[in-house]
N, C-alpha and C. Protein backbone atom coordinates (compact mmCIF):
# COMPACT_ATOMS: atom_id res chain seq x y z
N MET A 1 -14.37 13.61 -33.74
CA MET A 1 -14.78 12.17 -33.92
C MET A 1 -15.96 11.85 -33.17
N GLN A 2 -16.23 12.57 -31.98
CA GLN A 2 -17.01 12.23 -31.34
C GLN A 2 -18.68 12.73 -32.23
N ALA A 3 -18.39 13.68 -32.74
CA ALA A 3 -19.87 14.45 -33.34
C ALA A 3 -19.88 13.57 -35.18
N LYS A 4 -18.92 13.07 -35.60
CA LYS A 4 -19.14 11.77 -36.08
C LYS A 4 -19.39 10.76 -35.81
N SER A 5 -19.11 10.39 -34.47
CA SER A 5 -19.67 9.07 -33.89
C SER A 5 -21.36 9.18 -33.65
N ASN A 6 -21.84 10.25 -32.91
CA ASN A 6 -23.45 10.48 -32.86
C ASN A 6 -23.94 11.04 -34.08
N THR A 7 -23.71 11.37 -35.06
CA THR A 7 -24.15 11.37 -36.23
C THR A 7 -24.87 9.56 -36.93
N PHE A 8 -23.59 8.97 -37.16
CA PHE A 8 -23.79 7.36 -37.34
C PHE A 8 -24.99 7.24 -36.63
N ILE A 9 -24.40 7.06 -35.70
CA ILE A 9 -25.63 6.48 -34.21
C ILE A 9 -26.90 6.67 -34.77
N ARG A 10 -27.09 7.88 -34.84
CA ARG A 10 -28.61 8.99 -34.94
C ARG A 10 -29.21 8.22 -36.22
N LEU A 11 -28.44 8.51 -37.44
CA LEU A 11 -28.68 7.58 -38.90
C LEU A 11 -28.96 6.55 -38.85
N PHE A 12 -28.43 5.81 -37.98
CA PHE A 12 -28.45 4.90 -37.99
C PHE A 12 -30.14 3.99 -37.25
N LEU A 13 -29.90 4.38 -36.36
CA LEU A 13 -31.14 4.27 -35.85
C LEU A 13 -32.37 5.22 -36.33
N CYS A 14 -32.61 5.89 -36.99
CA CYS A 14 -33.27 6.44 -38.21
C CYS A 14 -34.02 5.28 -38.88
N THR A 15 -32.60 4.64 -39.89
CA THR A 15 -32.79 3.57 -40.42
C THR A 15 -33.98 2.30 -39.91
N PHE A 16 -34.10 2.39 -38.95
CA PHE A 16 -35.19 1.23 -38.07
C PHE A 16 -35.82 1.43 -37.73
N LEU A 17 -36.49 2.81 -38.04
CA LEU A 17 -37.66 3.17 -38.13
C LEU A 17 -38.52 3.54 -39.60
N ILE A 18 -37.62 3.42 -40.71
CA ILE A 18 -38.28 3.59 -41.68
C ILE A 18 -38.70 2.07 -42.53
N VAL A 19 -37.92 1.36 -41.89
CA VAL A 19 -37.81 0.09 -42.54
C VAL A 19 -39.62 -0.67 -42.07
N PRO A 20 -40.34 -1.02 -42.94
CA PRO A 20 -41.62 -1.21 -42.99
C PRO A 20 -41.49 -3.01 -42.39
N LEU A 21 -42.37 -2.73 -40.93
CA LEU A 21 -42.70 -3.48 -40.40
C LEU A 21 -42.43 -5.06 -40.39
N HIS A 22 -43.25 -5.57 -41.91
CA HIS A 22 -43.51 -6.45 -42.59
C HIS A 22 -41.72 -7.02 -42.51
N ALA A 23 -40.97 -6.48 -42.36
CA ALA A 23 -39.36 -6.77 -43.28
C ALA A 23 -39.02 -7.80 -41.86
N TYR A 24 -39.62 -7.31 -40.62
CA TYR A 24 -38.99 -7.84 -39.63
C TYR A 24 -38.71 -9.26 -38.98
N GLY A 25 -39.69 -9.84 -40.40
CA GLY A 25 -39.85 -10.79 -40.18
C GLY A 25 -40.98 -11.70 -39.09
N GLU A 26 -41.32 -13.26 -39.05
CA GLU A 26 -42.45 -13.61 -38.23
C GLU A 26 -41.89 -13.41 -36.24
N SER A 27 -42.99 -13.61 -35.60
CA SER A 27 -42.81 -13.96 -34.70
C SER A 27 -42.49 -14.98 -33.72
N PHE A 28 -41.76 -15.25 -33.03
CA PHE A 28 -41.68 -16.62 -32.28
C PHE A 28 -41.86 -16.53 -31.01
N ASP A 29 -42.28 -17.20 -30.19
CA ASP A 29 -42.68 -17.17 -28.71
C ASP A 29 -41.20 -17.86 -27.96
N TRP A 30 -40.61 -18.63 -28.35
CA TRP A 30 -40.19 -20.03 -27.79
C TRP A 30 -38.79 -20.35 -28.62
N SER A 31 -37.85 -20.65 -28.04
CA SER A 31 -36.64 -20.87 -28.89
C SER A 31 -35.89 -21.94 -27.83
N ILE A 32 -35.41 -23.20 -28.77
CA ILE A 32 -34.33 -24.12 -28.07
C ILE A 32 -32.95 -24.40 -29.19
N GLY A 33 -31.85 -24.60 -28.54
CA GLY A 33 -30.78 -24.66 -28.63
C GLY A 33 -29.36 -24.85 -28.34
N GLY A 34 -28.40 -24.53 -28.64
CA GLY A 34 -27.10 -25.42 -27.90
C GLY A 34 -26.11 -24.28 -28.39
N TYR A 35 -25.30 -24.40 -27.52
CA TYR A 35 -23.75 -23.72 -28.03
C TYR A 35 -22.54 -24.06 -27.58
N ALA A 36 -21.57 -23.70 -28.23
CA ALA A 36 -19.84 -24.27 -27.59
C ALA A 36 -19.19 -23.29 -28.10
N GLY A 37 -18.41 -22.81 -27.03
CA GLY A 37 -17.36 -21.63 -26.91
C GLY A 37 -16.03 -22.04 -26.56
N GLN A 38 -15.06 -21.15 -26.23
CA GLN A 38 -13.65 -21.33 -25.78
C GLN A 38 -13.46 -20.04 -24.83
N HIS A 39 -12.95 -20.21 -24.02
CA HIS A 39 -12.61 -19.13 -22.62
C HIS A 39 -11.66 -18.74 -23.04
N TYR A 40 -11.94 -16.87 -22.50
CA TYR A 40 -10.84 -16.18 -23.70
C TYR A 40 -10.80 -15.18 -22.18
N ASP A 41 -9.48 -14.38 -21.47
CA ASP A 41 -9.26 -14.15 -20.30
C ASP A 41 -9.25 -12.58 -20.30
N THR A 42 -9.79 -11.50 -21.21
CA THR A 42 -10.06 -10.53 -20.99
C THR A 42 -11.14 -10.49 -20.81
N ALA A 43 -11.56 -8.67 -21.15
CA ALA A 43 -13.36 -8.03 -20.73
C ALA A 43 -13.47 -8.76 -22.11
N PRO A 44 -15.32 -8.74 -21.69
CA PRO A 44 -15.95 -8.79 -23.00
C PRO A 44 -15.80 -7.73 -24.52
N ALA A 45 -15.59 -6.55 -24.09
CA ALA A 45 -15.27 -5.94 -25.32
C ALA A 45 -13.92 -5.89 -25.78
N TRP A 46 -13.13 -6.41 -25.54
CA TRP A 46 -11.58 -6.25 -25.69
C TRP A 46 -11.83 -7.36 -27.12
N ILE A 47 -12.66 -8.61 -26.84
CA ILE A 47 -12.45 -9.18 -28.08
C ILE A 47 -13.03 -8.64 -29.38
N LEU A 48 -13.83 -7.65 -28.92
CA LEU A 48 -13.97 -6.68 -30.11
C LEU A 48 -13.10 -6.23 -31.15
N GLU A 49 -12.22 -5.96 -30.40
CA GLU A 49 -11.09 -4.61 -30.09
C GLU A 49 -9.78 -5.98 -30.93
N GLY A 50 -10.33 -6.92 -30.61
CA GLY A 50 -9.11 -8.16 -31.51
C GLY A 50 -8.22 -8.66 -30.64
N ASP A 51 -8.25 -8.41 -29.50
CA ASP A 51 -7.48 -8.64 -27.97
C ASP A 51 -8.08 -9.35 -27.15
N ALA A 52 -7.78 -11.07 -27.56
CA ALA A 52 -8.40 -11.76 -26.84
C ALA A 52 -7.23 -13.06 -26.54
N ARG A 53 -7.45 -13.53 -25.41
CA ARG A 53 -5.96 -14.49 -25.64
C ARG A 53 -6.71 -15.86 -24.95
N PHE A 54 -6.99 -16.96 -26.44
CA PHE A 54 -7.70 -17.79 -25.31
C PHE A 54 -7.12 -18.96 -24.51
N ALA A 55 -7.93 -19.85 -23.94
CA ALA A 55 -7.47 -20.74 -22.77
C ALA A 55 -7.65 -21.86 -23.52
N LYS A 56 -7.41 -23.01 -22.82
CA LYS A 56 -7.82 -24.56 -23.23
C LYS A 56 -8.36 -24.76 -22.12
N HIS A 57 -10.02 -23.95 -22.11
CA HIS A 57 -11.00 -24.33 -21.63
C HIS A 57 -12.20 -24.03 -21.98
N TYR A 58 -12.84 -24.85 -22.01
CA TYR A 58 -14.38 -24.92 -22.99
C TYR A 58 -15.67 -24.99 -22.40
N MET A 59 -16.47 -24.75 -22.91
CA MET A 59 -18.23 -24.68 -22.13
C MET A 59 -18.64 -25.46 -23.92
N VAL A 60 -19.99 -26.36 -23.50
CA VAL A 60 -20.97 -26.53 -24.03
C VAL A 60 -22.07 -26.42 -23.45
N ALA A 61 -23.20 -26.14 -24.03
CA ALA A 61 -24.36 -25.45 -23.53
C ALA A 61 -25.64 -26.06 -24.32
N VAL A 62 -26.96 -26.07 -23.50
CA VAL A 62 -28.44 -25.55 -24.10
C VAL A 62 -28.76 -24.49 -23.29
N THR A 63 -29.46 -23.94 -24.55
CA THR A 63 -30.47 -22.86 -24.22
C THR A 63 -31.75 -22.67 -24.43
N ALA A 64 -32.84 -22.18 -24.00
CA ALA A 64 -33.97 -22.01 -24.55
C ALA A 64 -34.46 -20.45 -23.78
N SER A 65 -35.39 -19.94 -24.44
CA SER A 65 -35.99 -19.11 -24.06
C SER A 65 -37.56 -18.90 -24.38
N LYS A 66 -38.53 -17.85 -23.99
CA LYS A 66 -39.46 -17.69 -24.22
C LYS A 66 -39.84 -16.30 -24.17
N THR A 67 -40.28 -15.42 -25.04
CA THR A 67 -40.62 -14.03 -25.16
C THR A 67 -41.48 -13.76 -24.55
N LEU A 68 -41.45 -12.64 -23.49
CA LEU A 68 -42.77 -11.77 -22.68
C LEU A 68 -43.09 -10.99 -22.76
N TRP A 69 -42.74 -9.98 -23.73
CA TRP A 69 -43.21 -9.31 -24.55
C TRP A 69 -42.81 -8.82 -25.59
N ARG A 70 -43.57 -8.29 -26.33
CA ARG A 70 -43.06 -7.70 -27.89
C ARG A 70 -44.04 -6.26 -28.66
N ALA A 71 -43.29 -5.49 -28.67
CA ALA A 71 -43.52 -4.32 -29.44
C ALA A 71 -44.43 -4.25 -30.28
N GLU A 72 -45.58 -3.55 -30.48
CA GLU A 72 -46.14 -3.32 -31.36
C GLU A 72 -45.87 -2.89 -33.05
N THR A 73 -45.32 -1.61 -32.69
CA THR A 73 -44.64 -1.00 -34.01
C THR A 73 -43.19 -1.28 -34.31
N GLN A 74 -42.26 -2.10 -33.73
CA GLN A 74 -41.13 -2.03 -33.57
C GLN A 74 -41.06 -3.43 -33.34
N PRO A 75 -39.42 -4.08 -33.95
CA PRO A 75 -39.15 -5.05 -33.99
C PRO A 75 -37.97 -5.39 -32.68
N LEU A 76 -39.07 -4.78 -31.64
CA LEU A 76 -38.38 -5.02 -30.48
C LEU A 76 -39.39 -6.17 -29.43
N SER A 77 -38.44 -6.65 -28.22
CA SER A 77 -38.75 -8.08 -27.58
C SER A 77 -38.28 -8.01 -26.52
N LEU A 78 -39.12 -8.37 -25.53
CA LEU A 78 -38.43 -8.62 -24.13
C LEU A 78 -38.44 -10.44 -24.08
N GLU A 79 -37.10 -11.02 -23.83
CA GLU A 79 -37.17 -12.48 -23.54
C GLU A 79 -36.63 -13.29 -22.21
N ILE A 80 -37.06 -14.13 -22.06
CA ILE A 80 -36.64 -14.78 -21.10
C ILE A 80 -35.24 -15.57 -21.14
N ASP A 81 -34.32 -16.05 -20.75
CA ASP A 81 -33.20 -17.35 -21.50
C ASP A 81 -32.90 -17.57 -20.38
N GLY A 82 -32.74 -19.13 -20.60
CA GLY A 82 -31.93 -19.52 -19.43
C GLY A 82 -31.10 -20.85 -20.12
N MET A 83 -29.69 -20.81 -19.54
CA MET A 83 -29.15 -22.16 -19.98
C MET A 83 -28.29 -22.91 -19.16
N ILE A 84 -27.98 -24.32 -19.31
CA ILE A 84 -27.28 -25.14 -18.62
C ILE A 84 -26.06 -25.53 -19.29
N GLY A 85 -24.81 -25.25 -19.31
CA GLY A 85 -23.61 -25.74 -19.32
C GLY A 85 -22.97 -26.35 -18.79
N HIS A 86 -21.52 -27.58 -19.64
CA HIS A 86 -20.86 -27.88 -19.14
C HIS A 86 -19.18 -27.18 -19.61
N GLN A 87 -18.34 -27.03 -18.31
CA GLN A 87 -17.03 -26.67 -18.66
C GLN A 87 -15.91 -27.51 -18.40
N SER A 88 -15.25 -27.73 -19.42
CA SER A 88 -13.95 -28.77 -19.25
C SER A 88 -12.79 -27.88 -19.98
N GLY A 89 -11.83 -28.15 -19.27
CA GLY A 89 -10.61 -27.95 -19.88
C GLY A 89 -9.35 -27.51 -18.50
N VAL A 90 -9.35 -26.26 -18.01
CA VAL A 90 -8.52 -26.02 -16.62
C VAL A 90 -9.13 -26.74 -15.42
N ALA A 91 -10.38 -26.70 -15.89
CA ALA A 91 -11.43 -27.42 -14.07
C ALA A 91 -13.02 -27.71 -14.97
N THR A 92 -13.66 -29.02 -14.54
CA THR A 92 -14.47 -29.54 -14.65
C THR A 92 -15.81 -28.89 -13.77
N LEU A 93 -16.84 -28.31 -14.67
CA LEU A 93 -17.42 -28.08 -13.51
C LEU A 93 -18.98 -27.60 -14.42
N GLN A 94 -20.27 -27.34 -13.67
CA GLN A 94 -21.35 -27.65 -14.51
C GLN A 94 -21.73 -25.79 -14.18
N GLU A 95 -22.66 -24.97 -14.92
CA GLU A 95 -23.01 -23.49 -14.57
C GLU A 95 -24.61 -23.62 -15.10
N ILE A 96 -25.22 -23.12 -14.63
CA ILE A 96 -26.71 -22.81 -15.04
C ILE A 96 -27.32 -21.07 -14.73
N GLY A 97 -27.36 -20.63 -15.71
CA GLY A 97 -28.14 -19.52 -15.99
C GLY A 97 -29.35 -18.90 -16.52
N ILE A 98 -29.62 -17.92 -15.79
CA ILE A 98 -31.01 -17.21 -16.35
C ILE A 98 -30.86 -15.58 -16.37
N ALA A 99 -31.44 -15.04 -17.72
CA ALA A 99 -31.26 -13.50 -17.90
C ALA A 99 -32.48 -13.41 -18.53
N PRO A 100 -33.28 -12.10 -18.60
CA PRO A 100 -33.78 -11.38 -18.69
C PRO A 100 -33.06 -10.19 -20.15
N VAL A 101 -33.81 -11.34 -21.50
CA VAL A 101 -32.59 -10.30 -22.71
C VAL A 101 -33.86 -9.36 -23.48
N VAL A 102 -33.16 -8.21 -23.79
CA VAL A 102 -33.58 -7.61 -25.03
C VAL A 102 -33.08 -7.94 -26.50
N ARG A 103 -34.39 -7.95 -27.75
CA ARG A 103 -33.94 -8.77 -28.62
C ARG A 103 -34.78 -7.46 -30.00
N TRP A 104 -33.66 -7.27 -30.36
CA TRP A 104 -33.93 -6.12 -32.03
C TRP A 104 -33.44 -6.82 -33.01
N ASP A 105 -34.86 -7.39 -33.83
CA ASP A 105 -34.55 -8.03 -34.81
C ASP A 105 -35.17 -6.93 -36.23
N GLY A 106 -34.55 -5.51 -36.15
CA GLY A 106 -35.07 -4.54 -36.87
C GLY A 106 -33.88 -4.11 -38.09
N PHE A 107 -33.29 -4.65 -38.29
CA PHE A 107 -31.69 -4.26 -39.11
C PHE A 107 -32.21 -4.83 -40.56
N PRO A 108 -32.11 -3.49 -41.53
CA PRO A 108 -32.24 -2.73 -42.64
C PRO A 108 -32.19 -3.78 -43.38
N TRP A 109 -31.08 -4.88 -43.51
CA TRP A 109 -30.49 -5.94 -44.59
C TRP A 109 -31.94 -7.13 -44.37
N SER A 110 -33.37 -6.84 -42.94
CA SER A 110 -33.27 -8.17 -42.67
C SER A 110 -33.94 -9.30 -43.84
N GLU A 111 -34.16 -8.54 -44.70
CA GLU A 111 -34.87 -8.98 -46.73
C GLU A 111 -33.63 -10.02 -46.82
N THR A 112 -32.56 -9.73 -47.01
CA THR A 112 -31.68 -10.80 -47.26
C THR A 112 -31.00 -11.27 -46.25
N LEU A 113 -30.51 -11.17 -45.20
CA LEU A 113 -29.93 -12.18 -44.11
C LEU A 113 -30.94 -11.79 -42.48
N ARG A 114 -31.77 -12.18 -42.27
CA ARG A 114 -32.12 -11.70 -40.70
C ARG A 114 -31.18 -11.84 -39.82
N THR A 115 -31.51 -10.71 -39.32
CA THR A 115 -30.00 -10.93 -38.12
C THR A 115 -30.98 -10.34 -36.64
N GLY A 116 -30.81 -10.60 -35.93
CA GLY A 116 -30.92 -10.24 -34.07
C GLY A 116 -29.86 -10.06 -33.44
N LEU A 117 -29.80 -8.64 -32.68
CA LEU A 117 -29.05 -8.62 -31.40
C LEU A 117 -30.02 -8.52 -30.23
N ARG A 118 -29.03 -9.84 -29.01
CA ARG A 118 -29.29 -10.08 -28.17
C ARG A 118 -28.88 -9.51 -26.89
N LEU A 119 -29.66 -8.38 -26.00
CA LEU A 119 -28.57 -7.88 -25.15
C LEU A 119 -29.13 -8.74 -23.96
N ALA A 120 -28.48 -9.06 -22.63
CA ALA A 120 -28.78 -9.64 -21.45
C ALA A 120 -27.57 -8.80 -20.30
N PRO A 121 -27.72 -7.38 -19.63
CA PRO A 121 -26.41 -7.00 -19.68
C PRO A 121 -26.56 -7.82 -17.57
N LEU A 122 -28.06 -8.21 -17.21
CA LEU A 122 -27.64 -8.52 -15.87
C LEU A 122 -28.37 -9.95 -15.94
N GLY A 123 -28.15 -11.15 -14.93
CA GLY A 123 -29.09 -12.09 -14.76
C GLY A 123 -28.15 -12.98 -13.66
N VAL A 124 -28.60 -13.83 -13.57
CA VAL A 124 -28.16 -14.99 -12.41
C VAL A 124 -26.99 -16.36 -13.13
N SER A 125 -26.24 -16.52 -12.61
CA SER A 125 -25.31 -17.80 -13.23
C SER A 125 -24.91 -18.60 -11.75
N TYR A 126 -25.04 -19.52 -11.70
CA TYR A 126 -24.44 -20.16 -10.81
C TYR A 126 -23.39 -21.66 -10.87
N THR A 127 -22.26 -22.17 -10.81
CA THR A 127 -21.64 -22.83 -11.16
C THR A 127 -21.79 -23.74 -9.78
N THR A 128 -21.27 -24.98 -10.03
CA THR A 128 -20.92 -26.27 -9.55
C THR A 128 -20.32 -26.33 -8.71
N SER A 129 -18.80 -25.30 -8.83
CA SER A 129 -17.72 -25.24 -7.96
C SER A 129 -17.12 -23.91 -8.65
N ILE A 130 -16.08 -23.63 -7.79
CA ILE A 130 -15.54 -22.24 -8.45
C ILE A 130 -14.59 -22.73 -9.06
N SER A 131 -14.30 -22.16 -10.34
CA SER A 131 -13.30 -22.12 -11.04
C SER A 131 -12.11 -21.81 -10.94
N PRO A 132 -11.00 -22.21 -11.31
CA PRO A 132 -9.81 -21.27 -11.16
C PRO A 132 -9.09 -19.86 -11.90
N LEU A 133 -10.32 -20.15 -13.08
CA LEU A 133 -9.83 -19.06 -13.98
C LEU A 133 -10.80 -17.93 -13.34
N GLU A 134 -11.87 -18.32 -11.53
CA GLU A 134 -12.49 -16.65 -11.63
C GLU A 134 -12.32 -16.21 -10.33
N ARG A 135 -10.97 -16.80 -9.60
CA ARG A 135 -10.73 -17.05 -8.41
C ARG A 135 -9.25 -16.02 -8.46
N GLY A 136 -9.60 -14.86 -7.24
CA GLY A 136 -8.54 -13.17 -7.81
C GLY A 136 -7.60 -13.79 -6.96
N ALA A 137 -6.53 -12.86 -6.33
CA ALA A 137 -5.34 -12.75 -6.00
C ALA A 137 -5.50 -13.48 -4.53
N THR A 138 -6.01 -13.30 -3.94
CA THR A 138 -6.39 -14.07 -2.57
C THR A 138 -6.68 -15.65 -2.81
N GLY A 139 -7.26 -15.98 -3.86
CA GLY A 139 -7.69 -17.32 -4.46
C GLY A 139 -9.14 -17.53 -3.71
N LYS A 140 -9.69 -16.03 -3.06
CA LYS A 140 -11.40 -16.66 -3.65
C LYS A 140 -12.07 -16.26 -4.81
N GLY A 141 -13.27 -17.05 -4.83
CA GLY A 141 -13.74 -16.74 -5.59
C GLY A 141 -16.20 -16.83 -5.66
N SER A 142 -16.16 -16.93 -6.41
CA SER A 142 -18.24 -16.98 -6.05
C SER A 142 -18.33 -18.05 -6.81
N ARG A 143 -19.68 -18.67 -6.75
CA ARG A 143 -20.07 -19.81 -7.52
C ARG A 143 -21.05 -18.49 -7.89
N THR A 144 -21.64 -17.67 -7.32
CA THR A 144 -23.01 -17.16 -7.73
C THR A 144 -22.49 -15.88 -8.59
N LEU A 145 -22.64 -15.77 -9.77
CA LEU A 145 -22.29 -14.37 -9.70
C LEU A 145 -23.19 -13.55 -11.56
N ASN A 146 -23.09 -12.78 -12.08
CA ASN A 146 -24.07 -11.53 -12.74
C ASN A 146 -23.25 -12.58 -14.05
N LEU A 147 -24.53 -12.94 -14.85
CA LEU A 147 -24.96 -13.23 -16.17
C LEU A 147 -25.46 -12.28 -17.12
N LEU A 148 -24.30 -11.98 -18.14
CA LEU A 148 -24.65 -10.89 -19.27
C LEU A 148 -23.89 -11.98 -20.37
N LEU A 149 -24.81 -11.59 -21.85
CA LEU A 149 -24.57 -11.98 -22.98
C LEU A 149 -25.10 -11.10 -24.07
N ILE A 150 -24.20 -10.88 -24.53
CA ILE A 150 -24.25 -10.57 -25.78
C ILE A 150 -24.36 -11.44 -27.28
N GLU A 151 -25.58 -11.57 -28.23
CA GLU A 151 -25.35 -12.04 -29.07
C GLU A 151 -25.83 -11.72 -30.17
N LEU A 152 -25.82 -12.25 -31.70
CA LEU A 152 -25.80 -11.95 -32.43
C LEU A 152 -26.38 -13.09 -33.75
N GLY A 153 -27.57 -13.07 -34.01
CA GLY A 153 -27.89 -14.08 -34.43
C GLY A 153 -28.83 -14.14 -36.35
N PHE A 154 -28.51 -15.11 -37.02
CA PHE A 154 -28.81 -14.67 -38.35
C PHE A 154 -29.36 -16.39 -38.55
N SER A 155 -30.11 -15.78 -39.76
CA SER A 155 -30.88 -16.75 -40.37
C SER A 155 -31.41 -16.39 -41.84
N LEU A 156 -31.64 -17.58 -42.36
CA LEU A 156 -32.80 -16.59 -44.00
C LEU A 156 -33.51 -16.67 -44.01
N PRO A 157 -34.00 -15.61 -44.73
CA PRO A 157 -35.78 -15.70 -44.67
C PRO A 157 -36.71 -16.56 -44.66
N THR A 158 -36.13 -17.33 -45.68
CA THR A 158 -37.27 -18.31 -46.17
C THR A 158 -37.02 -19.69 -45.14
N MET A 159 -36.15 -19.38 -44.40
CA MET A 159 -35.72 -20.09 -42.76
C MET A 159 -35.95 -19.85 -41.88
N SER A 160 -36.22 -18.86 -41.38
CA SER A 160 -36.06 -18.07 -40.05
C SER A 160 -36.44 -18.45 -38.88
N SER A 161 -36.58 -19.26 -38.89
CA SER A 161 -36.88 -20.17 -37.98
C SER A 161 -35.65 -20.99 -37.26
N GLU A 162 -35.11 -21.06 -38.28
CA GLU A 162 -33.76 -21.76 -37.75
C GLU A 162 -32.49 -20.65 -37.65
N GLU A 163 -31.84 -20.69 -36.55
CA GLU A 163 -31.00 -19.48 -36.40
C GLU A 163 -29.58 -19.94 -35.69
N VAL A 164 -28.52 -19.47 -36.57
CA VAL A 164 -27.19 -19.17 -35.93
C VAL A 164 -26.85 -18.10 -35.37
N PHE A 165 -25.85 -18.29 -34.54
CA PHE A 165 -25.64 -17.13 -33.25
C PHE A 165 -24.32 -17.09 -32.99
N VAL A 166 -23.44 -15.88 -32.89
CA VAL A 166 -22.59 -16.02 -31.86
C VAL A 166 -22.74 -15.05 -30.78
N ARG A 167 -22.27 -15.83 -29.36
CA ARG A 167 -22.66 -15.36 -28.26
C ARG A 167 -21.25 -14.58 -27.61
N LEU A 168 -21.52 -14.06 -26.72
CA LEU A 168 -20.48 -13.52 -25.87
C LEU A 168 -20.83 -13.62 -24.48
N HIS A 169 -20.35 -14.65 -23.59
CA HIS A 169 -21.07 -15.58 -22.66
C HIS A 169 -20.15 -14.85 -21.30
N HIS A 170 -20.49 -14.07 -20.53
CA HIS A 170 -19.72 -13.65 -19.66
C HIS A 170 -20.54 -13.53 -18.10
N ARG A 171 -19.73 -13.95 -17.07
CA ARG A 171 -19.93 -13.86 -15.95
C ARG A 171 -19.06 -13.05 -14.58
N CYS A 172 -19.41 -12.31 -14.40
CA CYS A 172 -19.06 -10.81 -13.64
C CYS A 172 -19.66 -10.76 -12.33
N SER A 173 -18.63 -9.80 -11.53
CA SER A 173 -18.60 -9.37 -10.04
C SER A 173 -19.55 -8.02 -10.05
N ILE A 174 -19.83 -7.56 -11.46
CA ILE A 174 -20.52 -6.21 -11.88
C ILE A 174 -19.31 -5.32 -10.65
N TYR A 175 -18.49 -5.21 -11.29
CA TYR A 175 -17.42 -4.34 -11.01
C TYR A 175 -17.19 -4.10 -9.52
N ASN A 176 -17.09 -5.31 -9.06
CA ASN A 176 -17.30 -5.69 -7.49
C ASN A 176 -17.94 -5.49 -6.78
N LEU A 177 -19.64 -5.15 -7.22
CA LEU A 177 -21.06 -5.01 -6.58
C LEU A 177 -21.32 -6.35 -5.68
N LEU A 178 -20.75 -8.05 -6.41
CA LEU A 178 -21.57 -8.84 -5.76
C LEU A 178 -20.31 -9.43 -4.77
N ASN A 179 -18.80 -9.29 -4.83
CA ASN A 179 -17.86 -9.32 -4.43
C ASN A 179 -16.92 -8.41 -4.46
N ASP A 180 -15.24 -8.71 -3.72
CA ASP A 180 -14.26 -7.36 -4.14
C ASP A 180 -12.99 -8.39 -4.01
N TYR A 181 -13.20 -9.81 -5.01
CA TYR A 181 -12.45 -10.70 -4.87
C TYR A 181 -11.12 -10.73 -5.77
N GLY A 182 -11.44 -9.47 -6.65
CA GLY A 182 -10.50 -8.81 -7.53
C GLY A 182 -10.45 -9.80 -9.46
N ALA A 183 -11.68 -11.20 -9.30
CA ALA A 183 -11.39 -11.68 -10.53
C ALA A 183 -12.14 -11.42 -11.34
N ASN A 184 -12.30 -11.50 -12.41
CA ASN A 184 -12.75 -10.85 -13.91
C ASN A 184 -13.86 -11.49 -14.10
N GLY A 185 -14.14 -13.31 -13.66
CA GLY A 185 -15.03 -14.04 -13.74
C GLY A 185 -14.82 -14.68 -14.87
N GLU A 186 -15.70 -15.39 -15.81
CA GLU A 186 -15.14 -16.21 -17.18
C GLU A 186 -16.09 -15.46 -18.27
N ASP A 187 -15.05 -15.34 -19.26
CA ASP A 187 -15.72 -15.26 -20.74
C ASP A 187 -15.61 -16.87 -21.85
N PHE A 188 -16.67 -16.27 -22.11
CA PHE A 188 -16.86 -17.58 -23.12
C PHE A 188 -17.09 -17.04 -24.88
N LEU A 189 -16.30 -17.03 -25.86
CA LEU A 189 -16.95 -16.85 -27.30
C LEU A 189 -17.40 -18.35 -28.08
N ALA A 190 -18.50 -17.59 -28.04
CA ALA A 190 -19.00 -18.92 -28.18
C ALA A 190 -19.93 -18.99 -29.98
N LEU A 191 -20.54 -20.01 -30.62
CA LEU A 191 -21.15 -20.18 -31.31
C LEU A 191 -22.04 -21.41 -31.35
N GLY A 192 -23.08 -21.42 -31.59
CA GLY A 192 -24.39 -22.07 -31.52
C GLY A 192 -25.69 -22.25 -32.18
N TYR A 193 -26.69 -22.41 -32.52
CA TYR A 193 -27.52 -22.91 -33.57
C TYR A 193 -29.07 -23.17 -32.13
N ARG A 194 -29.80 -22.05 -32.68
CA ARG A 194 -31.69 -22.63 -31.99
C ARG A 194 -32.58 -22.97 -33.19
N HIS A 195 -33.81 -23.16 -32.85
CA HIS A 195 -34.66 -23.59 -33.25
C HIS A 195 -35.42 -22.44 -32.64
N ARG A 196 -36.66 -21.48 -33.53
CA ARG A 196 -37.33 -20.60 -32.80
C ARG A 196 -38.62 -20.87 -33.38
N PHE A 197 -40.14 -21.33 -32.32
CA PHE A 197 -41.07 -21.74 -33.00
C PHE A 197 -42.20 -20.96 -32.08
């Protein structure tokens, strides 16, 4: 099973290398947008397995990004992404976050549906108060945590500056590296829209 998985990954990556550079689309340096999502109480990866329990806790946010670096021969770029959000439901609080983001735009079907994968494993997130959903067994929590995001964005080739996206928005202590309160942090599954320019 592992060998089949490794073979698939190699073929998938090789496909990116043979797609002509012009198929990756236009280059945009800035973006601005917004997203809204609902809290779920499992680890980020579990939602991909269909195992997520949603709570009546919501987030709306605005986001902006700036491209800092772009590879010359590959559809790879580095961005800085910032967000300001409002959470409501179980508690009311605000969140601000910033993270460096790696973006990959080289999917082979980009001439039909432009697709961008954005990953930010390490960032900083600050909330105006500690959410009850982030408190550990002792009742302790932290306003400042790591910000992790995983995002898939989609746009039409004729409207590549207008992108809709699905984002996993995650706050955590990086496996108790930042604190040992025993709380997972917060996870939101969000839908959003951005204008790239």
